[in-house]
PDB file of N, CA and C in Angstrom:
ATOM      1  N   UNK A   1    -210.282  40.291 -10.582  1.00  0.00           N
ATOM      2  CA  UNK A   1    -210.917  41.552 -11.004  1.00  0.00           C
ATOM      3  C   UNK A   1    -209.712  42.583 -11.316  1.00  0.00           C
ATOM      4  N   UNK A   2    -209.723  43.169 -12.303  1.00  0.00           N
ATOM      5  CA  UNK A   2    -208.865  44.133 -12.784  1.00  0.00           C
ATOM      6  C   UNK A   2    -208.864  45.452 -12.020  1.00  0.00           C
ATOM      7  N   UNK A   3    -207.768  46.035 -11.654  1.00  0.00           N
ATOM      8  CA  UNK A   3    -207.687  47.248 -11.045  1.00  0.00           C
ATOM      9  C   UNK A   3    -208.268  48.432 -11.939  1.00  0.00           C
ATOM     10  N   UNK A   4    -209.180  49.121 -11.439  1.00  0.00           N
ATOM     11  CA  UNK A   4    -209.569  50.163 -12.346  1.00  0.00           C
ATOM     12  C   UNK A   4    -209.023  51.643 -11.962  1.00  0.00           C
ATOM     13  N   UNK A   5    -208.914  52.482 -12.812  1.00  0.00           N
ATOM     14  CA  UNK A   5    -208.264  53.700 -12.550  1.00  0.00           C
ATOM     15  C   UNK A   5    -209.235  54.870 -12.537  1.00  0.00           C
ATOM     16  N   UNK A   6    -209.001  55.802 -11.468  1.00  0.00           N
ATOM     17  CA  UNK A   6    -209.917  57.037 -11.464  1.00  0.00           C
ATOM     18  C   UNK A   6    -209.311  57.827 -12.672  1.00  0.00           C
ATOM     19  N   UNK A   7    -210.040  58.936 -12.973  1.00  0.00           N
ATOM     20  CA  UNK A   7    -209.717  59.790 -14.043  1.00  0.00           C
ATOM     21  C   UNK A   7    -208.344  60.546 -13.746  1.00  0.00           C
ATOM     22  N   UNK A   8    -208.223  60.832 -12.420  1.00  0.00           N
ATOM     23  CA  UNK A   8    -206.878  61.393 -12.167  1.00  0.00           C
ATOM     24  C   UNK A   8    -205.517  60.479 -12.564  1.00  0.00           C
ATOM     25  N   UNK A   9    -205.903  59.220 -12.131  1.00  0.00           N
ATOM     26  CA  UNK A   9    -204.842  58.235 -12.271  1.00  0.00           C
ATOM     27  C   UNK A   9    -204.714  57.836 -13.787  1.00  0.00           C
ATOM     28  N   UNK A  10    -205.661  57.801 -14.424  1.00  0.00           N
ATOM     29  CA  UNK A  10    -205.528  57.614 -15.932  1.00  0.00           C
ATOM     30  C   UNK A  10    -204.984  58.693 -16.557  1.00  0.00           C
ATOM     31  N   UNK A  11    -205.391  59.995 -16.264  1.00  0.00           N
ATOM     32  CA  UNK A  11    -204.702  61.051 -16.957  1.00  0.00           C
ATOM     33  C   UNK A  11    -203.333  61.074 -16.669  1.00  0.00           C
ATOM     34  N   UNK A  12    -202.932  60.724 -15.283  1.00  0.00           N
ATOM     35  CA  UNK A  12    -201.528  60.775 -15.151  1.00  0.00           C
ATOM     36  C   UNK A  12    -200.776  59.602 -15.976  1.00  0.00           C
ATOM     37  N   UNK A  13    -201.344  58.462 -16.170  1.00  0.00           N
ATOM     38  CA  UNK A  13    -200.626  57.396 -16.946  1.00  0.00           C
ATOM     39  C   UNK A  13    -200.365  57.902 -18.456  1.00  0.00           C
ATOM     40  N   UNK A  14    -201.357  58.710 -18.879  1.00  0.00           N
ATOM     41  CA  UNK A  14    -201.520  58.954 -20.149  1.00  0.00           C
ATOM     42  C   UNK A  14    -200.644  60.333 -20.418  1.00  0.00           C
ATOM     43  N   UNK A  15    -200.322  60.969 -19.349  1.00  0.00           N
ATOM     44  CA  UNK A  15    -199.681  62.201 -19.332  1.00  0.00           C
ATOM     45  C   UNK A  15    -200.338  63.359 -19.974  1.00  0.00           C
ATOM     46  N   UNK A  16    -201.639  63.499 -19.639  1.00  0.00           N
ATOM     47  CA  UNK A  16    -202.533  64.446 -20.095  1.00  0.00           C
ATOM     48  C   UNK A  16    -203.382  65.056 -18.850  1.00  0.00           C
ATOM     49  N   UNK A  17    -204.221  66.130 -19.095  1.00  0.00           N
ATOM     50  CA  UNK A  17    -204.808  66.579 -18.031  1.00  0.00           C
ATOM     51  C   UNK A  17    -206.131  65.792 -18.017  1.00  0.00           C
ATOM     52  N   UNK A  18    -206.912  66.122 -16.821  1.00  0.00           N
ATOM     53  CA  UNK A  18    -208.141  65.330 -16.816  1.00  0.00           C
ATOM     54  C   UNK A  18    -209.261  65.884 -17.676  1.00  0.00           C
ATOM     55  N   UNK A  19    -208.997  67.237 -18.081  1.00  0.00           N
ATOM     56  CA  UNK A  19    -210.010  67.718 -19.160  1.00  0.00           C
ATOM     57  C   UNK A  19    -209.752  67.275 -20.326  1.00  0.00           C
ATOM     58  N   UNK A  20    -208.437  66.893 -20.804  1.00  0.00           N
ATOM     59  CA  UNK A  20    -208.246  66.183 -22.003  1.00  0.00           C
ATOM     60  C   UNK A  20    -208.762  64.862 -22.097  1.00  0.00           C
ATOM     61  N   UNK A  21    -208.420  64.107 -20.901  1.00  0.00           N
ATOM     62  CA  UNK A  21    -209.009  62.740 -20.890  1.00  0.00           C
ATOM     63  C   UNK A  21    -210.495  62.681 -20.881  1.00  0.00           C
ATOM     64  N   UNK A  22    -211.118  63.754 -20.494  1.00  0.00           N
ATOM     65  CA  UNK A  22    -212.617  63.795 -20.687  1.00  0.00           C
ATOM     66  C   UNK A  22    -212.968  64.132 -22.093  1.00  0.00           C
ATOM     67  N   UNK A  23    -212.358  64.828 -22.789  1.00  0.00           N
ATOM     68  CA  UNK A  23    -212.577  65.006 -24.189  1.00  0.00           C
ATOM     69  C   UNK A  23    -212.204  63.837 -25.141  1.00  0.00           C
ATOM     70  N   UNK A  24    -211.451  62.999 -24.643  1.00  0.00           N
ATOM     71  CA  UNK A  24    -210.945  61.740 -25.390  1.00  0.00           C
ATOM     72  C   UNK A  24    -212.165  60.831 -25.355  1.00  0.00           C
ATOM     73  N   UNK A  25    -212.707  60.898 -23.979  1.00  0.00           N
ATOM     74  CA  UNK A  25    -213.765  59.810 -23.843  1.00  0.00           C
ATOM     75  C   UNK A  25    -215.012  60.314 -24.463  1.00  0.00           C
ATOM     76  N   UNK A  26    -215.265  61.594 -24.424  1.00  0.00           N
ATOM     77  CA  UNK A  26    -216.417  62.119 -25.229  1.00  0.00           C
ATOM     78  C   UNK A  26    -216.284  61.888 -26.707  1.00  0.00           C
ATOM     79  N   UNK A  27    -215.089  62.057 -27.256  1.00  0.00           N
ATOM     80  CA  UNK A  27    -214.898  61.923 -28.746  1.00  0.00           C
ATOM     81  C   UNK A  27    -214.865  60.358 -29.085  1.00  0.00           C
ATOM     82  N   UNK A  28    -215.016  59.461 -28.120  1.00  0.00           N
ATOM     83  CA  UNK A  28    -215.018  57.970 -28.404  1.00  0.00           C
ATOM     84  C   UNK A  28    -213.569  57.438 -28.727  1.00  0.00           C
ATOM     85  N   UNK A  29    -212.466  58.255 -28.277  1.00  0.00           N
ATOM     86  CA  UNK A  29    -210.945  57.744 -28.568  1.00  0.00           C
ATOM     87  C   UNK A  29    -210.513  56.910 -27.582  1.00  0.00           C
ATOM     88  N   UNK A  30    -211.067  56.818 -26.344  1.00  0.00           N
ATOM     89  CA  UNK A  30    -210.617  55.851 -25.269  1.00  0.00           C
ATOM     90  C   UNK A  30    -211.757  55.133 -24.635  1.00  0.00           C
ATOM     91  N   UNK A  31    -211.653  53.830 -24.320  1.00  0.00           N
ATOM     92  CA  UNK A  31    -212.519  53.079 -23.614  1.00  0.00           C
ATOM     93  C   UNK A  31    -212.562  53.467 -22.108  1.00  0.00           C
ATOM     94  N   UNK A  32    -213.868  53.365 -21.660  1.00  0.00           N
ATOM     95  CA  UNK A  32    -214.052  53.656 -20.054  1.00  0.00           C
ATOM     96  C   UNK A  32    -215.102  52.799 -19.695  1.00  0.00           C
ATOM     97  N   UNK A  33    -215.216  52.853 -18.376  1.00  0.00           N
ATOM     98  CA  UNK A  33    -216.297  51.844 -17.758  1.00  0.00           C
ATOM     99  C   UNK A  33    -216.990  53.108 -16.849  1.00  0.00           C
ATOM    100  N   UNK A  34    -218.374  53.184 -16.988  1.00  0.00           N
ATOM    101  CA  UNK A  34    -219.307  53.937 -16.489  1.00  0.00           C
ATOM    102  C   UNK A  34    -219.906  53.086 -15.352  1.00  0.00           C
ATOM    103  N   UNK A  35    -219.436  53.422 -14.228  1.00  0.00           N
ATOM    104  CA  UNK A  35    -220.153  52.744 -12.973  1.00  0.00           C
ATOM    105  C   UNK A  35    -221.494  53.332 -12.704  1.00  0.00           C
ATOM    106  N   UNK A  36    -221.423  54.577 -12.755  1.00  0.00           N
ATOM    107  CA  UNK A  36    -222.637  55.364 -12.800  1.00  0.00           C
ATOM    108  C   UNK A  36    -222.560  56.493 -13.697  1.00  0.00           C
ATOM    109  N   UNK A  37    -223.703  57.332 -13.722  1.00  0.00           N
ATOM    110  CA  UNK A  37    -223.377  58.542 -14.769  1.00  0.00           C
ATOM    111  C   UNK A  37    -222.349  59.437 -14.582  1.00  0.00           C
ATOM    112  N   UNK A  38    -221.944  59.570 -13.201  1.00  0.00           N
ATOM    113  CA  UNK A  38    -220.948  60.484 -12.683  1.00  0.00           C
ATOM    114  C   UNK A  38    -219.602  59.759 -12.406  1.00  0.00           C
ATOM    115  N   UNK A  39    -219.771  58.404 -12.229  1.00  0.00           N
ATOM    116  CA  UNK A  39    -218.466  57.714 -11.918  1.00  0.00           C
ATOM    117  C   UNK A  39    -218.003  57.008 -12.978  1.00  0.00           C
ATOM    118  N   UNK A  40    -216.925  57.592 -13.480  1.00  0.00           N
ATOM    119  CA  UNK A  40    -216.091  56.993 -14.649  1.00  0.00           C
ATOM    120  C   UNK A  40    -214.713  56.422 -14.221  1.00  0.00           C
ATOM    121  N   UNK A  41    -214.386  55.201 -14.667  1.00  0.00           N
ATOM    122  CA  UNK A  41    -213.265  54.523 -14.452  1.00  0.00           C
ATOM    123  C   UNK A  41    -212.629  54.029 -15.557  1.00  0.00           C
ATOM    124  N   UNK A  42    -211.308  53.856 -15.657  1.00  0.00           N
ATOM    125  CA  UNK A  42    -210.569  53.383 -16.638  1.00  0.00           C
ATOM    126  C   UNK A  42    -209.780  52.039 -16.420  1.00  0.00           C
ATOM    127  N   UNK A  43    -209.761  51.171 -17.491  1.00  0.00           N
ATOM    128  CA  UNK A  43    -208.809  50.065 -17.082  1.00  0.00           C
ATOM    129  C   UNK A  43    -207.432  50.282 -17.647  1.00  0.00           C
ATOM    130  N   UNK A  44    -206.470  49.681 -17.051  1.00  0.00           N
ATOM    131  CA  UNK A  44    -205.095  50.217 -17.495  1.00  0.00           C
ATOM    132  C   UNK A  44    -204.837  49.691 -18.884  1.00  0.00           C
ATOM    133  N   UNK A  45    -205.316  48.499 -19.316  1.00  0.00           N
ATOM    134  CA  UNK A  45    -205.109  47.944 -20.683  1.00  0.00           C
ATOM    135  C   UNK A  45    -205.843  48.910 -21.708  1.00  0.00           C
ATOM    136  N   UNK A  46    -207.089  49.479 -21.258  1.00  0.00           N
ATOM    137  CA  UNK A  46    -207.529  50.439 -22.337  1.00  0.00           C
ATOM    138  C   UNK A  46    -206.601  51.703 -22.515  1.00  0.00           C
ATOM    139  N   UNK A  47    -206.248  52.251 -21.503  1.00  0.00           N
ATOM    140  CA  UNK A  47    -204.992  53.246 -21.613  1.00  0.00           C
ATOM    141  C   UNK A  47    -203.814  52.840 -22.448  1.00  0.00           C
ATOM    142  N   UNK A  48    -203.396  51.725 -22.281  1.00  0.00           N
ATOM    143  CA  UNK A  48    -202.415  51.321 -22.908  1.00  0.00           C
ATOM    144  C   UNK A  48    -202.675  51.026 -24.421  1.00  0.00           C
ATOM    145  N   UNK A  49    -203.955  50.534 -24.809  1.00  0.00           N
ATOM    146  CA  UNK A  49    -204.442  50.368 -26.162  1.00  0.00           C
ATOM    147  C   UNK A  49    -204.503  51.627 -26.751  1.00  0.00           C
ATOM    148  N   UNK A  50    -204.855  52.790 -25.920  1.00  0.00           N
ATOM    149  CA  UNK A  50    -204.960  54.133 -26.619  1.00  0.00           C
ATOM    150  C   UNK A  50    -203.691  54.621 -26.941  1.00  0.00           C
ATOM    151  N   UNK A  51    -202.640  54.445 -26.042  1.00  0.00           N
ATOM    152  CA  UNK A  51    -201.345  54.793 -26.304  1.00  0.00           C
ATOM    153  C   UNK A  51    -200.884  54.052 -27.727  1.00  0.00           C
ATOM    154  N   UNK A  52    -201.017  52.746 -27.717  1.00  0.00           N
ATOM    155  CA  UNK A  52    -200.614  52.067 -28.772  1.00  0.00           C
ATOM    156  C   UNK A  52    -201.180  52.480 -30.202  1.00  0.00           C
ATOM    157  N   UNK A  53    -202.389  52.859 -30.042  1.00  0.00           N
ATOM    158  CA  UNK A  53    -203.258  53.460 -31.205  1.00  0.00           C
ATOM    159  C   UNK A  53    -202.576  54.816 -31.808  1.00  0.00           C
ATOM    160  N   UNK A  54    -201.973  55.614 -30.771  1.00  0.00           N
ATOM    161  CA  UNK A  54    -201.431  56.852 -31.255  1.00  0.00           C
ATOM    162  C   UNK A  54    -200.077  56.749 -31.587  1.00  0.00           C
ATOM    163  N   UNK A  55    -199.396  55.706 -31.595  1.00  0.00           N
ATOM    164  CA  UNK A  55    -198.043  55.442 -32.032  1.00  0.00           C
ATOM    165  C   UNK A  55    -197.885  55.773 -33.511  1.00  0.00           C
ATOM    166  N   UNK A  56    -196.937  56.578 -33.908  1.00  0.00           N
ATOM    167  CA  UNK A  56    -196.603  56.849 -35.323  1.00  0.00           C
ATOM    168  C   UNK A  56    -195.241  56.670 -35.641  1.00  0.00           C
ATOM    169  N   UNK A  57    -195.112  56.532 -37.022  1.00  0.00           N
ATOM    170  CA  UNK A  57    -193.779  56.424 -37.499  1.00  0.00           C
ATOM    171  C   UNK A  57    -193.347  57.642 -38.131  1.00  0.00           C
ATOM    172  N   UNK A  58    -192.365  58.308 -37.726  1.00  0.00           N
ATOM    173  CA  UNK A  58    -191.885  59.611 -38.599  1.00  0.00           C
ATOM    174  C   UNK A  58    -191.427  59.259 -39.938  1.00  0.00           C
ATOM    175  N   UNK A  59    -191.750  60.060 -40.814  1.00  0.00           N
ATOM    176  CA  UNK A  59    -191.455  59.856 -42.175  1.00  0.00           C
ATOM    177  C   UNK A  59    -190.796  61.319 -42.508  1.00  0.00           C
ATOM    178  N   UNK A  60    -189.684  61.081 -43.391  1.00  0.00           N
ATOM    179  CA  UNK A  60    -189.060  62.213 -43.811  1.00  0.00           C
ATOM    180  C   UNK A  60    -189.802  63.111 -44.832  1.00  0.00           C
ATOM    181  N   UNK A  61    -189.724  64.317 -44.764  1.00  0.00           N
ATOM    182  CA  UNK A  61    -190.478  65.262 -45.508  1.00  0.00           C
ATOM    183  C   UNK A  61    -189.588  65.417 -46.968  1.00  0.00           C
ATOM    184  N   UNK A  62    -190.319  65.206 -48.080  1.00  0.00           N
ATOM    185  CA  UNK A  62    -189.644  64.952 -49.234  1.00  0.00           C
ATOM    186  C   UNK A  62    -188.953  66.359 -49.737  1.00  0.00           C
ATOM    187  N   UNK A  63    -189.553  67.380 -49.161  1.00  0.00           N
ATOM    188  CA  UNK A  63    -188.842  68.786 -49.564  1.00  0.00           C
ATOM    189  C   UNK A  63    -187.612  68.922 -48.902  1.00  0.00           C
ATOM    190  N   UNK A  64    -187.233  68.259 -47.769  1.00  0.00           N
ATOM    191  CA  UNK A  64    -186.054  68.501 -47.177  1.00  0.00           C
ATOM    192  C   UNK A  64    -185.209  67.341 -47.497  1.00  0.00           C
ATOM    193  N   UNK A  65    -185.394  66.486 -48.260  1.00  0.00           N
ATOM    194  CA  UNK A  65    -184.640  65.284 -48.563  1.00  0.00           C
ATOM    195  C   UNK A  65    -183.443  65.767 -49.546  1.00  0.00           C
ATOM    196  N   UNK A  66    -182.264  65.718 -49.079  1.00  0.00           N
ATOM    197  CA  UNK A  66    -181.107  66.275 -49.757  1.00  0.00           C
ATOM    198  C   UNK A  66    -180.783  65.409 -51.069  1.00  0.00           C
ATOM    199  N   UNK A  67    -181.342  64.284 -51.222  1.00  0.00           N
ATOM    200  CA  UNK A  67    -181.064  63.565 -52.398  1.00  0.00           C
ATOM    201  C   UNK A  67    -181.753  64.198 -53.524  1.00  0.00           C
ATOM    202  N   UNK A  68    -182.928  64.582 -53.325  1.00  0.00           N
ATOM    203  CA  UNK A  68    -183.705  65.033 -54.376  1.00  0.00           C
ATOM    204  C   UNK A  68    -183.784  66.634 -54.407  1.00  0.00           C
ATOM    205  N   UNK A  69    -183.419  66.965 -55.580  1.00  0.00           N
ATOM    206  CA  UNK A  69    -183.580  68.594 -55.671  1.00  0.00           C
ATOM    207  C   UNK A  69    -184.421  68.939 -56.807  1.00  0.00           C
ATOM    208  N   UNK A  70    -185.066  70.201 -56.589  1.00  0.00           N
ATOM    209  CA  UNK A  70    -186.246  70.594 -57.566  1.00  0.00           C
ATOM    210  C   UNK A  70    -185.279  71.145 -58.680  1.00  0.00           C
ATOM    211  N   UNK A  71    -185.673  70.782 -59.864  1.00  0.00           N
ATOM    212  CA  UNK A  71    -185.049  71.525 -61.076  1.00  0.00           C
ATOM    213  C   UNK A  71    -186.050  71.914 -61.961  1.00  0.00           C
ATOM    214  N   UNK A  72    -185.790  72.873 -62.759  1.00  0.00           N
ATOM    215  CA  UNK A  72    -186.683  73.547 -63.552  1.00  0.00           C
ATOM    216  C   UNK A  72    -186.664  72.751 -64.932  1.00  0.00           C
ATOM    217  N   UNK A  73    -187.931  72.254 -65.357  1.00  0.00           N
ATOM    218  CA  UNK A  73    -187.901  71.602 -66.615  1.00  0.00           C
ATOM    219  C   UNK A  73    -188.358  72.429 -67.726  1.00  0.00           C
ATOM    220  N   UNK A  74    -188.813  73.553 -67.480  1.00  0.00           N
ATOM    221  CA  UNK A  74    -189.226  74.428 -68.364  1.00  0.00           C
ATOM    222  C   UNK A  74    -188.063  75.107 -69.063  1.00  0.00           C
ATOM    223  N   UNK A  75    -188.308  75.292 -70.346  1.00  0.00           N
ATOM    224  CA  UNK A  75    -187.189  75.962 -71.190  1.00  0.00           C
ATOM    225  C   UNK A  75    -187.600  77.324 -71.689  1.00  0.00           C
ATOM    226  N   UNK A  76    -188.929  77.747 -71.368  1.00  0.00           N
ATOM    227  CA  UNK A  76    -189.264  79.197 -71.664  1.00  0.00           C
ATOM    228  C   UNK A  76    -188.552  80.165 -70.551  1.00  0.00           C
ATOM    229  N   UNK A  77    -188.382  81.376 -71.248  1.00  0.00           N
ATOM    230  CA  UNK A  77    -187.834  82.397 -70.247  1.00  0.00           C
ATOM    231  C   UNK A  77    -189.143  83.276 -69.940  1.00  0.00           C
ATOM    232  N   UNK A  78    -188.957  83.664 -68.689  1.00  0.00           N
ATOM    233  CA  UNK A  78    -190.004  84.552 -68.184  1.00  0.00           C
ATOM    234  C   UNK A  78    -189.602  85.993 -68.224  1.00  0.00           C
ATOM    235  N   UNK A  79    -190.474  86.886 -68.414  1.00  0.00           N
ATOM    236  CA  UNK A  79    -190.107  88.211 -68.487  1.00  0.00           C
ATOM    237  C   UNK A  79    -191.028  88.860 -67.406  1.00  0.00           C
ATOM    238  N   UNK A  80    -190.362  89.869 -66.680  1.00  0.00           N
ATOM    239  CA  UNK A  80    -191.051  90.568 -65.626  1.00  0.00           C
ATOM    240  C   UNK A  80    -191.689  91.831 -66.180  1.00  0.00           C
ATOM    241  N   UNK A  81    -192.928  92.016 -65.992  1.00  0.00           N
ATOM    242  CA  UNK A  81    -193.728  93.154 -66.644  1.00  0.00           C
ATOM    243  C   UNK A  81    -193.872  94.066 -65.440  1.00  0.00           C
ATOM    244  N   UNK A  82    -193.737  95.290 -65.577  1.00  0.00           N
ATOM    245  CA  UNK A  82    -194.013  96.223 -64.466  1.00  0.00           C
ATOM    246  C   UNK A  82    -195.471  96.536 -64.509  1.00  0.00           C
ATOM    247  N   UNK A  83    -196.095  97.012 -63.430  1.00  0.00           N
ATOM    248  CA  UNK A  83    -197.405  97.146 -62.996  1.00  0.00           C
ATOM    249  C   UNK A  83    -197.844  98.213 -63.834  1.00  0.00           C
ATOM    250  N   UNK A  84    -197.276  99.333 -64.018  1.00  0.00           N
ATOM    251  CA  UNK A  84    -197.747 100.431 -64.956  1.00  0.00           C
ATOM    252  C   UNK A  84    -197.908  99.904 -66.497  1.00  0.00           C
ATOM    253  N   UNK A  85    -196.938  99.107 -66.874  1.00  0.00           N
ATOM    254  CA  UNK A  85    -196.945  98.605 -68.274  1.00  0.00           C
ATOM    255  C   UNK A  85    -198.089  97.582 -68.412  1.00  0.00           C
ATOM    256  N   UNK A  86    -198.397  96.840 -67.346  1.00  0.00           N
ATOM    257  CA  UNK A  86    -199.724  95.804 -67.255  1.00  0.00           C
ATOM    258  C   UNK A  86    -200.871  96.748 -67.472  1.00  0.00           C
ATOM    259  N   UNK A  87    -200.929  97.849 -66.605  1.00  0.00           N
ATOM    260  CA  UNK A  87    -202.356  98.485 -66.669  1.00  0.00           C
ATOM    261  C   UNK A  87    -202.406  99.285 -68.077  1.00  0.00           C
ATOM    262  N   UNK A  88    -201.358  99.803 -68.648  1.00  0.00           N
ATOM    263  CA  UNK A  88    -201.357 100.420 -69.885  1.00  0.00           C
ATOM    264  C   UNK A  88    -201.883  99.396 -71.020  1.00  0.00           C
ATOM    265  N   UNK A  89    -201.330  98.196 -70.911  1.00  0.00           N
ATOM    266  CA  UNK A  89    -201.807  97.148 -71.758  1.00  0.00           C
ATOM    267  C   UNK A  89    -203.413  96.843 -71.741  1.00  0.00           C
ATOM    268  N   UNK A  90    -203.779  96.796 -70.417  1.00  0.00           N
ATOM    269  CA  UNK A  90    -205.183  96.515 -70.313  1.00  0.00           C
ATOM    270  C   UNK A  90    -206.072  97.734 -70.724  1.00  0.00           C
ATOM    271  N   UNK A  91    -205.536  98.981 -70.658  1.00  0.00           N
ATOM    272  CA  UNK A  91    -206.290 100.107 -71.103  1.00  0.00           C
ATOM    273  C   UNK A  91    -206.334 100.093 -72.503  1.00  0.00           C
ATOM    274  N   UNK A  92    -205.269  99.649 -73.191  1.00  0.00           N
ATOM    275  CA  UNK A  92    -205.197  99.677 -74.790  1.00  0.00           C
ATOM    276  C   UNK A  92    -206.118  98.588 -75.179  1.00  0.00           C
ATOM    277  N   UNK A  93    -206.192  97.467 -74.491  1.00  0.00           N
ATOM    278  CA  UNK A  93    -206.987  96.426 -75.013  1.00  0.00           C
ATOM    279  C   UNK A  93    -208.465  96.780 -74.746  1.00  0.00           C
ATOM    280  N   UNK A  94    -208.982  97.397 -73.921  1.00  0.00           N
ATOM    281  CA  UNK A  94    -210.308  97.831 -73.724  1.00  0.00           C
ATOM    282  C   UNK A  94    -210.813  98.853 -74.857  1.00  0.00           C
ATOM    283  N   UNK A  95    -209.997  99.728 -75.474  1.00  0.00           N
ATOM    284  CA  UNK A  95    -210.399 100.545 -76.336  1.00  0.00           C
ATOM    285  C   UNK A  95    -210.479 100.015 -77.642  1.00  0.00           C
TER     286      UNK A  95
END
């Protein structure tokens, strides 16, 4: 028979609080054994499976990759228009 872990032991194994462990269980993210409605135990292999399911591989953010730089492909020049000039153009267009 497999040794079963209490909520405190499983939380310590996962390095989370018992409250977080309860939320993981309620969201269906970790398997558990319900001995009774109030007595919940965890198998060590289920905790290890949860840890394995959370493993991620870091990926480099493309915006910080030094090999690729953003370049402007636009050949048009932009013009800054002041707020008052824009308002005057709107007023002239309405009349």
